[in-house]
Protein backbone atom coordinates (compact mmCIF):
# COMPACT_ATOMS: atom_id res chain seq x y z
CA MET A 1 209.18 111.80 -36.29
CA LYS A 2 206.79 108.91 -35.81
CA ALA A 3 207.19 105.28 -36.80
CA ILE A 4 205.46 102.68 -39.00
CA PRO A 5 204.08 99.38 -37.77
CA VAL A 6 205.50 96.43 -39.50
CA MET A 7 202.88 93.80 -39.26
CA ALA A 8 204.91 91.10 -37.72
CA ALA A 9 202.04 90.07 -35.63
CA ALA A 10 202.51 86.49 -34.74
CA VAL A 11 201.97 85.17 -31.28
CA LEU A 12 202.24 81.57 -30.26
CA LEU A 13 200.07 80.59 -27.43
CA VAL A 14 201.06 77.39 -25.74
CA THR A 15 198.01 76.38 -23.83
CA THR A 16 197.63 73.20 -21.98
CA VAL A 17 193.91 72.69 -22.07
CA ALA A 18 192.05 69.72 -20.83
CA CYS A 19 188.57 69.08 -22.06
CA SER A 20 186.37 66.56 -20.33
CA SER A 21 184.10 64.37 -22.38
CA ASN A 22 181.15 65.88 -20.55
CA PRO A 23 181.14 69.39 -22.04
CA GLY A 24 180.53 67.62 -25.33
CA PRO A 25 179.48 69.18 -28.58
CA THR A 26 176.82 71.24 -26.83
CA GLY A 27 179.44 73.19 -24.91
CA GLY A 28 177.84 72.83 -21.48
CA SER A 29 179.53 72.71 -18.09
CA ALA A 30 181.39 69.64 -16.94
CA GLY A 31 179.05 66.99 -15.58
CA ASP A 32 179.20 64.79 -12.54
CA LYS A 33 181.61 62.27 -13.99
CA LYS A 34 185.12 62.89 -12.69
CA GLU A 35 187.97 62.62 -15.15
CA ALA A 36 191.49 63.89 -15.16
CA PRO A 37 191.72 67.18 -17.06
CA THR A 38 192.78 66.83 -20.67
CA GLU A 39 195.91 68.87 -21.32
CA ILE A 40 195.92 70.88 -24.54
CA SER A 41 198.67 73.27 -25.51
CA ILE A 42 197.59 76.32 -27.53
CA MET A 43 199.43 79.09 -29.31
CA SER A 44 197.59 82.41 -29.77
CA THR A 45 197.74 86.19 -29.46
CA PHE A 46 196.33 88.97 -27.28
CA PHE A 47 195.43 92.63 -27.70
CA SER A 48 195.04 93.65 -24.06
CA GLN A 49 197.81 95.69 -22.45
CA GLU A 50 199.12 92.57 -20.75
CA PRO A 51 198.30 88.91 -21.37
CA PRO A 52 196.22 87.05 -18.76
CA GLY A 53 198.33 85.27 -16.16
CA GLU A 54 198.11 81.55 -15.38
CA ASP A 55 196.08 82.38 -12.26
CA ASN A 56 193.60 84.55 -14.16
CA VAL A 57 190.18 84.11 -12.57
CA ILE A 58 188.41 83.58 -15.93
CA ILE A 59 190.93 81.01 -17.13
CA LYS A 60 190.48 79.15 -13.87
CA GLU A 61 186.71 79.20 -14.27
CA ILE A 62 186.92 77.98 -17.84
CA GLU A 63 189.13 75.14 -16.65
CA LYS A 64 186.54 74.28 -14.02
CA ARG A 65 183.56 74.30 -16.37
CA THR A 66 185.32 72.33 -19.11
CA ASN A 67 187.46 70.09 -16.91
CA THR A 68 190.59 71.40 -18.56
CA LYS A 69 193.99 72.61 -17.48
CA LEU A 70 195.18 75.59 -19.47
CA LYS A 71 198.71 76.81 -19.76
CA ILE A 72 198.72 79.70 -22.14
CA THR A 73 201.72 81.48 -23.58
CA TRP A 74 200.55 84.81 -24.96
CA VAL A 75 202.61 86.59 -27.64
CA SER A 76 202.24 90.23 -28.68
CA PRO A 77 200.54 90.88 -32.02
CA ASN A 78 203.54 92.97 -32.99
CA ASN A 79 205.63 89.84 -33.65
CA TYR A 80 203.10 87.10 -34.15
CA ALA A 81 203.91 86.43 -37.80
CA ASP A 82 207.59 85.90 -37.09
CA LYS A 83 206.87 83.67 -34.11
CA LEU A 84 204.39 81.58 -36.08
CA ASN A 85 206.83 80.96 -38.90
CA VAL A 86 209.60 79.99 -36.49
CA THR A 87 207.34 77.60 -34.60
CA LEU A 88 206.00 75.96 -37.75
CA ALA A 89 209.50 75.49 -39.09
CA SER A 90 210.68 73.95 -35.82
CA GLY A 91 208.08 71.19 -35.94
CA ASP A 92 207.62 71.51 -32.18
CA LEU A 93 203.95 72.46 -32.29
CA PRO A 94 201.42 72.90 -29.48
CA ASP A 95 198.13 70.97 -29.55
CA MET A 96 196.36 73.96 -31.06
CA ILE A 97 198.10 76.77 -32.93
CA LEU A 98 196.67 80.04 -34.21
CA ALA A 99 197.40 80.92 -37.83
CA ASP A 100 196.26 84.54 -37.82
CA TYR A 101 196.36 84.99 -41.60
CA PRO A 102 196.48 81.38 -42.87
CA GLN A 103 196.20 82.26 -46.54
CA ARG A 104 199.26 84.50 -46.33
CA TYR A 105 201.61 81.93 -44.85
CA PRO A 106 203.02 79.57 -47.48
CA LEU A 107 204.25 77.27 -44.71
CA VAL A 108 200.72 76.88 -43.34
CA LYS A 109 199.45 75.89 -46.77
CA SER A 110 202.25 73.50 -47.59
CA MET A 111 202.15 71.80 -44.18
CA SER A 112 198.37 71.38 -44.43
CA GLN A 113 198.65 69.83 -47.88
CA GLN A 114 201.33 67.48 -46.55
CA GLY A 115 199.01 66.22 -43.82
CA ALA A 116 200.56 68.07 -40.87
CA PHE A 117 197.17 69.15 -39.50
CA TRP A 118 193.86 67.42 -38.85
CA ASP A 119 191.17 67.73 -41.51
CA LEU A 120 188.13 69.17 -39.69
CA THR A 121 185.88 69.54 -42.76
CA THR A 122 183.24 67.08 -41.63
CA LEU A 123 184.18 66.90 -37.95
CA TYR A 124 183.09 70.44 -37.04
CA LYS A 125 179.55 69.75 -38.20
CA SER A 126 179.10 67.46 -35.19
CA TYR A 127 179.50 70.42 -32.82
CA PRO A 128 176.38 72.60 -32.71
CA ASN A 129 177.99 75.90 -31.73
CA LEU A 130 180.89 75.65 -34.19
CA SER A 131 178.46 74.65 -36.93
CA LYS A 132 176.57 77.90 -36.26
CA PHE A 133 179.47 79.83 -37.72
CA PRO A 134 178.48 81.10 -41.20
CA GLU A 135 179.09 78.60 -43.97
CA LEU A 136 180.88 81.40 -45.84
CA THR A 137 183.40 81.60 -42.99
CA TRP A 138 184.22 77.88 -43.23
CA LYS A 139 184.35 78.10 -47.02
CA ASN A 140 186.68 81.09 -46.97
CA LEU A 141 189.09 79.30 -44.64
CA ALA A 142 189.17 76.16 -46.75
CA PHE A 143 192.19 75.71 -48.96
CA GLY A 144 192.08 74.85 -52.65
CA ASP A 145 191.33 71.22 -51.88
CA GLY A 146 188.10 72.35 -50.22
CA LYS A 147 189.17 71.11 -46.81
CA ASN A 148 189.18 72.92 -43.47
CA TYR A 149 192.29 72.52 -41.39
CA GLY A 150 191.37 74.84 -38.54
CA ILE A 151 188.64 76.19 -36.27
CA PRO A 152 187.81 79.79 -37.25
CA ARG A 153 188.63 82.57 -34.84
CA VAL A 154 185.25 83.78 -35.97
CA ARG A 155 184.32 87.37 -36.55
CA PRO A 156 181.69 89.11 -38.64
CA VAL A 157 182.14 89.72 -42.34
CA TYR A 158 181.22 93.39 -41.90
CA GLY A 159 182.52 95.92 -39.36
CA GLN A 160 186.18 95.09 -39.81
CA THR A 161 189.04 97.26 -40.99
CA ALA A 162 187.82 100.42 -42.69
CA LEU A 163 188.37 104.13 -42.42
CA ASN A 164 187.31 105.96 -39.28
CA VAL A 165 187.27 109.73 -38.99
CA ARG A 166 187.34 112.27 -36.16
CA LYS A 167 183.78 113.51 -36.62
CA ASP A 168 184.35 116.33 -34.11
CA TRP A 169 187.27 117.57 -36.21
CA LEU A 170 185.11 117.51 -39.33
CA ASP A 171 182.44 119.57 -37.56
CA LYS A 172 184.98 122.05 -36.21
CA LEU A 173 186.47 122.65 -39.66
CA GLY A 174 183.11 122.66 -41.45
CA LEU A 175 183.87 119.56 -43.51
CA LYS A 176 181.60 116.72 -44.60
CA GLU A 177 182.41 113.05 -44.30
CA PRO A 178 184.57 111.98 -47.27
CA THR A 179 183.12 109.40 -49.67
CA THR A 180 185.75 109.64 -52.44
CA THR A 181 189.55 109.71 -52.43
CA ASP A 182 189.46 113.32 -53.67
CA GLU A 183 187.29 114.33 -50.73
CA LEU A 184 189.49 112.29 -48.43
CA TYR A 185 192.56 114.20 -49.54
CA GLU A 186 190.91 117.52 -48.72
CA VAL A 187 189.94 116.24 -45.28
CA MET A 188 193.44 114.91 -44.56
CA LYS A 189 194.97 118.17 -45.73
CA ALA A 190 192.75 120.13 -43.34
CA PHE A 191 193.44 117.80 -40.44
CA ALA A 192 197.20 118.18 -40.91
CA THR A 193 197.34 121.93 -41.53
CA LYS A 194 194.37 123.67 -39.86
CA ASP A 195 195.05 122.85 -36.21
CA PRO A 196 191.92 120.73 -35.63
CA ASP A 197 192.82 120.11 -31.97
CA GLY A 198 193.22 123.83 -31.32
CA ASN A 199 196.55 123.61 -29.51
CA GLY A 200 198.26 126.08 -31.82
CA LYS A 201 200.82 123.51 -32.97
CA ASP A 202 201.42 121.78 -36.30
CA ASP A 203 201.40 118.30 -34.73
CA THR A 204 198.51 116.33 -36.27
CA TYR A 205 198.33 113.93 -39.20
CA GLY A 206 195.58 113.33 -41.70
CA PHE A 207 195.83 109.54 -41.66
CA LEU A 208 197.71 107.20 -39.31
CA GLY A 209 198.81 104.43 -41.65
CA TYR A 210 201.63 101.91 -41.62
CA THR A 211 202.99 98.98 -43.59
CA ASP A 212 203.53 95.32 -42.62
CA PRO A 213 205.43 92.28 -43.97
CA THR A 214 202.47 91.12 -46.08
CA GLY A 215 201.48 94.40 -47.69
CA VAL A 216 201.00 98.09 -47.06
CA GLY A 217 199.12 97.62 -43.79
CA LYS A 218 196.34 100.11 -43.15
CA PHE A 219 197.02 101.78 -46.49
CA ASN A 220 195.13 98.84 -47.99
CA VAL A 221 191.91 100.83 -47.57
CA ILE A 222 193.34 103.36 -50.03
CA GLU A 223 194.46 100.65 -52.43
CA THR A 224 191.02 99.04 -52.31
CA ALA A 225 189.35 102.35 -53.06
CA PHE A 226 191.37 102.57 -56.27
CA THR A 227 191.55 98.90 -57.37
CA LYS A 228 188.02 97.87 -56.27
CA THR A 229 189.41 94.66 -54.82
CA PHE A 230 191.14 93.50 -51.65
CA GLY A 231 194.40 91.61 -51.42
CA ASP A 232 196.87 90.72 -54.16
CA TRP A 233 194.35 89.62 -56.79
CA LYS A 234 191.37 90.96 -58.70
CA LEU A 235 188.77 88.95 -60.52
CA GLU A 236 188.48 90.23 -64.09
CA ASN A 237 186.35 88.45 -66.67
CA GLY A 238 186.33 85.35 -64.49
CA LYS A 239 190.13 85.27 -64.14
CA LEU A 240 192.37 86.16 -61.21
CA THR A 241 194.72 88.99 -62.19
CA PRO A 242 197.61 90.20 -59.99
CA VAL A 243 196.75 93.61 -58.56
CA ILE A 244 200.31 94.76 -59.32
CA PHE A 245 199.33 94.60 -63.03
CA LEU A 246 196.47 97.06 -62.61
CA PRO A 247 196.96 100.74 -63.57
CA SER A 248 194.76 101.60 -60.59
CA GLN A 249 197.36 100.09 -58.23
CA LYS A 250 199.91 102.54 -59.52
CA GLU A 251 197.39 105.36 -59.10
CA ALA A 252 196.92 104.38 -55.47
CA LEU A 253 200.66 104.52 -54.84
CA MET A 254 200.94 107.92 -56.50
CA TYR A 255 198.10 109.11 -54.29
CA LEU A 256 199.91 107.83 -51.19
CA ASN A 257 203.11 109.48 -52.38
CA LYS A 258 201.26 112.77 -52.46
CA LEU A 259 200.11 112.25 -48.88
CA TYR A 260 203.67 111.45 -47.84
CA ALA A 261 205.20 114.41 -49.66
CA GLU A 262 202.74 116.79 -48.02
CA LYS A 263 203.27 115.17 -44.58
CA LEU A 264 199.65 114.16 -44.23
CA ILE A 265 200.78 110.73 -43.02
CA PRO A 266 203.61 109.90 -40.56
CA GLU A 267 207.05 110.28 -42.09
CA ASP A 268 208.19 107.02 -40.51
CA PHE A 269 205.08 105.01 -41.41
CA SER A 270 207.23 102.14 -42.67
CA ILE A 271 208.60 101.38 -39.20
CA LEU A 272 205.58 102.20 -37.06
CA LYS A 273 203.94 99.38 -35.18
CA GLN A 274 200.22 98.78 -35.08
CA THR A 275 200.04 99.55 -31.38
CA GLN A 276 201.88 102.84 -31.93
CA THR A 277 199.31 104.08 -34.44
CA LEU A 278 196.51 103.11 -32.04
CA ASP A 279 198.17 105.06 -29.25
CA MET A 280 198.66 108.03 -31.57
CA MET A 281 194.95 108.00 -32.45
CA LYS A 282 193.94 107.82 -28.79
CA SER A 283 196.20 110.76 -27.96
CA GLY A 284 194.69 112.95 -30.68
CA LYS A 285 197.55 112.91 -33.16
CA GLY A 286 195.52 111.73 -36.15
CA GLY A 287 192.24 112.48 -37.84
CA LEU A 288 191.76 109.16 -39.63
CA ASP A 289 192.80 105.59 -39.06
CA ALA A 290 191.83 102.18 -40.41
CA VAL A 291 190.78 99.75 -37.71
CA PRO A 292 187.68 97.67 -36.87
CA MET A 293 184.73 99.48 -35.30
CA ASP A 294 185.38 98.25 -31.78
CA GLN A 295 188.93 99.61 -31.84
CA ALA A 296 187.61 102.89 -33.22
CA TRP A 297 185.34 103.16 -30.18
CA GLU A 298 188.29 102.35 -27.94
CA SER A 299 189.95 105.49 -29.32
CA THR A 300 186.74 107.46 -28.87
CA ALA A 301 186.48 106.42 -25.23
CA GLU A 302 190.01 107.61 -24.51
CA LEU A 303 189.57 110.88 -26.39
CA LYS A 304 186.29 111.65 -24.60
CA LYS A 305 188.15 111.73 -21.28
CA ILE A 306 189.74 114.99 -22.46
CA LYS A 307 187.30 116.15 -25.15
CA PRO A 308 183.69 115.08 -24.36
CA ASP A 309 182.41 115.60 -27.91
CA ALA A 310 185.20 113.54 -29.54
CA TYR A 311 183.97 110.76 -31.80
CA VAL A 312 185.95 108.50 -34.14
CA GLU A 313 183.16 107.62 -36.58
CA PRO A 314 183.39 104.59 -38.90
CA LEU A 315 182.87 105.54 -42.57
CA VAL A 316 180.58 103.49 -44.79
CA SER A 317 182.69 103.42 -47.95
CA LEU A 318 185.33 105.13 -50.05
CA ASN A 319 184.98 105.35 -53.84
CA GLY A 320 182.00 103.02 -53.43
CA THR A 321 184.00 100.25 -51.76
CA THR A 322 184.63 98.89 -48.29
CA ILE A 323 186.71 95.90 -47.29
CA THR A 324 184.86 92.69 -46.48
CA ASP A 325 186.34 90.29 -43.99
CA PRO A 326 186.64 86.53 -44.64
CA GLY A 327 184.58 86.00 -41.48
CA ALA A 328 187.50 84.91 -39.34
CA PHE A 329 190.68 86.41 -37.97
CA GLY A 330 192.65 83.27 -38.68
CA MET A 331 192.06 79.79 -37.37
CA PHE A 332 193.25 77.40 -34.69
CA MET A 333 194.90 74.36 -36.27
CA ILE A 334 195.41 70.99 -34.61
CA PRO A 335 198.64 69.15 -35.55
CA LYS A 336 198.26 65.58 -36.74
CA LYS A 337 200.51 64.40 -33.88
CA VAL A 338 197.55 65.00 -31.53
CA PRO A 339 195.69 61.68 -30.92
CA GLU A 340 192.19 61.45 -32.39
CA ALA A 341 190.58 61.07 -28.96
CA LYS A 342 192.22 64.31 -27.82
CA VAL A 343 191.16 66.08 -31.02
CA LYS A 344 187.55 65.45 -30.07
CA LYS A 345 188.12 66.92 -26.63
CA ILE A 346 189.73 69.99 -28.17
CA MET A 347 186.70 70.34 -30.44
CA GLU A 348 184.42 70.07 -27.40
CA PHE A 349 186.47 72.73 -25.67
CA MET A 350 186.26 75.10 -28.62
CA ASP A 351 182.55 74.37 -29.07
CA PHE A 352 182.03 75.47 -25.47
CA GLY A 353 183.92 78.65 -26.34
CA ALA A 354 181.51 79.28 -29.24
CA SER A 355 178.45 78.94 -26.96
CA ASP A 356 176.73 81.85 -25.24
CA GLU A 357 177.99 80.60 -21.88
CA GLY A 358 181.60 80.10 -22.90
CA SER A 359 181.89 83.20 -25.03
CA ASP A 360 180.26 85.50 -22.49
CA LEU A 361 182.42 84.11 -19.70
CA ALA A 362 185.64 84.65 -21.67
CA ASN A 363 184.75 88.13 -22.91
CA TYR A 364 182.81 89.60 -19.98
CA GLY A 365 183.46 87.47 -16.88
CA PHE A 366 181.10 87.24 -13.92
CA LYS A 367 177.95 89.32 -13.65
CA ASP A 368 178.02 91.94 -10.88
CA VAL A 369 181.73 91.33 -10.52
CA HIS A 370 183.22 92.05 -13.94
CA PHE A 371 180.16 93.61 -15.52
CA THR A 372 176.74 95.03 -14.84
CA GLU A 373 173.87 95.09 -17.32
CA GLN A 374 172.24 98.22 -18.66
CA ASP A 375 170.03 98.57 -21.75
CA GLY A 376 170.93 95.01 -22.66
CA PHE A 377 174.68 95.81 -22.61
CA LYS A 378 177.32 94.38 -20.35
CA ILE A 379 179.12 97.30 -18.72
CA PRO A 380 182.60 96.39 -17.48
CA THR A 381 183.61 97.22 -13.93
CA GLU A 382 186.98 98.26 -12.57
CA GLN A 383 187.40 94.65 -11.46
CA ALA A 384 187.25 93.57 -15.11
CA LYS A 385 190.31 95.73 -15.81
CA LYS A 386 192.11 94.38 -12.75
CA ASP A 387 191.38 90.78 -13.77
CA ASN A 388 192.14 91.40 -17.45
CA VAL A 389 188.69 90.32 -18.61
CA SER A 390 187.88 91.49 -22.16
CA GLN A 391 187.46 90.68 -25.83
CA GLN A 392 191.15 91.45 -26.23
CA ALA A 393 192.29 88.70 -23.82
CA MET A 394 190.52 85.31 -23.57
CA GLY A 395 188.08 86.64 -26.15
CA GLN A 396 190.80 86.00 -28.71
CA ILE A 397 190.28 82.25 -28.20
CA PHE A 398 186.61 81.98 -27.17
CA LEU A 399 184.08 83.85 -29.28
CA LYS A 400 180.58 83.15 -30.53
CA TYR A 401 179.30 84.43 -33.88
CA ASP A 402 177.54 87.79 -33.86
CA LYS A 403 176.95 89.80 -37.03
CA TYR A 404 177.17 93.05 -35.06
CA GLN A 405 180.02 92.01 -32.81
CA LYS A 406 182.29 94.80 -34.03
CA ALA A 407 179.62 97.41 -33.41
CA TYR A 408 180.02 96.76 -29.71
CA LYS A 409 182.81 97.63 -27.33
CA ALA A 410 182.50 97.33 -23.60
CA GLY A 411 181.20 100.64 -22.29
CA ILE A 412 179.75 101.93 -25.55
CA PRO A 413 176.44 103.81 -25.10
CA LYS A 414 173.45 102.24 -26.85
CA GLU A 415 172.98 105.24 -29.17
CA PHE A 416 176.45 104.72 -30.63
CA TYR A 417 176.00 100.93 -30.83
CA ASP A 418 172.76 101.45 -32.78
CA ARG A 419 174.56 103.89 -35.07
CA HIS A 420 177.31 101.37 -35.72
CA THR A 421 174.89 98.53 -36.55
CA LYS A 422 173.30 100.75 -39.18
CA ILE A 423 176.76 101.51 -40.65
CA ILE A 424 177.45 97.77 -40.83
CA ASP A 425 174.18 97.24 -42.71
CA GLU A 426 175.10 100.05 -45.10
CA ARG A 427 178.53 98.57 -45.74
CA THR A 428 177.00 95.40 -47.15
CA LYS A 429 176.12 97.41 -50.27
CA PHE A 430 179.77 98.32 -50.98
CA ALA A 431 181.75 95.32 -49.73
CA VAL A 432 184.57 93.70 -51.71
CA LEU A 433 186.21 90.42 -50.72
CA ASP A 434 189.65 89.04 -51.51
CA PRO A 435 188.85 86.69 -54.45
CA SER A 436 191.91 84.54 -53.78
CA ILE A 437 190.76 83.34 -50.37
CA GLY A 438 191.14 79.60 -50.16
CA VAL A 439 192.92 79.35 -53.51
CA ASP A 440 196.09 77.20 -53.63
CA SER A 441 199.16 77.09 -55.83
CA ASP A 442 202.39 75.16 -55.41
CA ALA A 443 204.15 77.87 -57.39
CA TRP A 444 202.64 80.49 -55.08
CA ILE A 445 203.97 78.66 -52.03
CA LYS A 446 207.40 78.31 -53.60
CA TYR A 447 207.91 81.65 -55.29
CA TRP A 448 205.45 84.19 -53.88
CA PRO A 449 207.36 85.13 -50.67
CA GLU A 450 210.28 86.47 -52.71
CA TYR A 451 208.03 88.32 -55.16
CA GLN A 452 206.04 89.70 -52.26
CA LYS A 453 209.16 91.18 -50.65
CA LYS A 454 210.09 92.87 -53.91
CA ILE A 455 206.58 94.19 -54.48
CA ILE A 456 206.22 95.59 -50.96
CA ASP A 457 209.67 97.13 -51.14
CA LEU A 458 208.75 98.78 -54.43
CA LYS A 459 205.45 100.04 -53.04
CA VAL A 460 207.12 101.65 -50.03
CA LYS A 461 209.77 103.25 -52.22
CA MET A 462 207.04 104.61 -54.48
CA ILE A 463 205.20 106.08 -51.51
CA VAL A 464 208.29 107.83 -50.12
CA GLY A 465 209.45 108.96 -53.58
CA LYS A 466 212.59 106.83 -53.75
CA GLU A 467 211.45 105.04 -56.89
CA THR A 468 210.20 106.53 -60.15
CA PRO A 469 206.94 105.68 -61.92
CA ALA A 470 209.02 104.66 -64.94
CA ASN A 471 210.92 102.06 -62.94
CA TYR A 472 207.67 100.87 -61.44
CA ASP A 473 206.31 100.27 -64.94
CA LYS A 474 209.50 98.49 -65.90
CA PHE A 475 209.19 96.15 -62.90
CA VAL A 476 205.60 95.30 -63.80
CA GLU A 477 206.55 94.52 -67.40
CA GLN A 478 209.29 92.22 -66.15
CA LEU A 479 206.80 90.35 -64.00
CA LYS A 480 204.51 89.86 -66.98
CA THR A 481 207.25 87.94 -68.78
CA ASP A 482 208.61 86.13 -65.73
CA ALA A 483 208.10 82.36 -66.09
CA ASN A 484 207.71 81.63 -62.41
CA PHE A 485 205.32 84.54 -61.85
CA ASN A 486 203.21 83.37 -64.74
CA LYS A 487 203.24 79.87 -63.28
CA ILE A 488 201.72 81.32 -60.13
CA ILE A 489 199.00 83.04 -62.16
CA GLU A 490 198.23 79.86 -64.08
CA GLU A 491 198.00 77.64 -60.99
CA MET A 492 195.99 80.20 -59.00
CA ASN A 493 193.38 80.34 -61.74
CA VAL A 494 193.16 76.56 -62.02
CA SER A 495 192.63 76.39 -58.26
CA TYR A 496 190.11 79.24 -58.34
CA LYS A 497 187.99 77.48 -60.96
CA LYS A 498 188.18 74.23 -59.02
CA LYS A 499 187.13 75.89 -55.74
CA ASN A 500 184.36 78.01 -57.31
CA GLY A 501 183.14 75.69 -60.01
């Protein structure tokens, strides 16, 4: 038995950061003028094995260069969502708080609309490095009123969550890379039944998927392949339509039920955690997963220690689609209780983090100590591991924009990096974006959480065969006549037209 990750990833990072006025919008080092460090508390997450300690050498150097004092409370991604909701509800907010999926948290939307966070719409344009973030990223993070209430935790639009396959397993079994869901099924079937790892045991899965509180987790790549959209809505004839209404959504669930019935996916997918599926992939228990490119290489690096020809290769598309990212993995919001003068220092601090200097320091550390350079790449040293210097630690707060960021992972050979950049370019031809990004609805805020619970529960029951297709159809028909659900649809479409003209 395995387990399914419930995406309760919400980590509150309480960071006491002090930004001097000298770093300024340009994000340079602190100047000659001596000032007391500005204290800024931050709430965020981490993906390294352990969070950086208060005495972390990189945090200390960032404090020195920005004249800040950081006190960071790192929370595991496995329970970030829960922690975020609790903190927001308490009203006891740090100076900067990460909303990892801002559009999915009704409380984030409602608090923003009520003036609980600073409006950064025009302010960010005064900071050169932050203003280098793609305009699409800022637009996607804006709510229905067109305003930005947070600094993007920027990441590229392409290279994010998509299917990755054990290329060495494909080669061993004489299979080609799947491009359709039919081909994918055949590959998963072979991975689960034909002993691709050669250990003589029936102990491998086709696809390591899981669910989470906001959807069906990594199974969303399957849903997208069927529905040709991403998220809970699809744009049809200029109108947002709930995905639950689409016949293709039901087809996706029936497909997943087939995978479950034939044990091509973990039996306990609904209770697995994200980190568990990553560990399973690294240990050779699965042939496919759905993670960003850099995490796929992380699995490859571990597998190569035992099997030199192992390669978890990112796929370009499935049924002619691939998920497009909003351009940010959430945003850092500044509560309105923070004085305006301090807001500017926080913006200076984050602008430094978006510069080459700040981003490289946070992600790679000191040259010849934490990394060496080869072929233009920064190669991490053992000291980097000891000091917890990586994209998964302070890189979750400080990051510059790079279209091919996800093609790179510390230690990746240039030939694989070049291969990944080409895959990213290919994905642009098949990308689909959640059309509801930045769309607001009071009814959505009020009623959606309860509907969402029912929909996710129904989806999981459909996948494991505890609910019939007939009852699924009955549920959908009830939603179509539900007054509150229709109010959500109406308001979402009004907001969509307002946001998109």
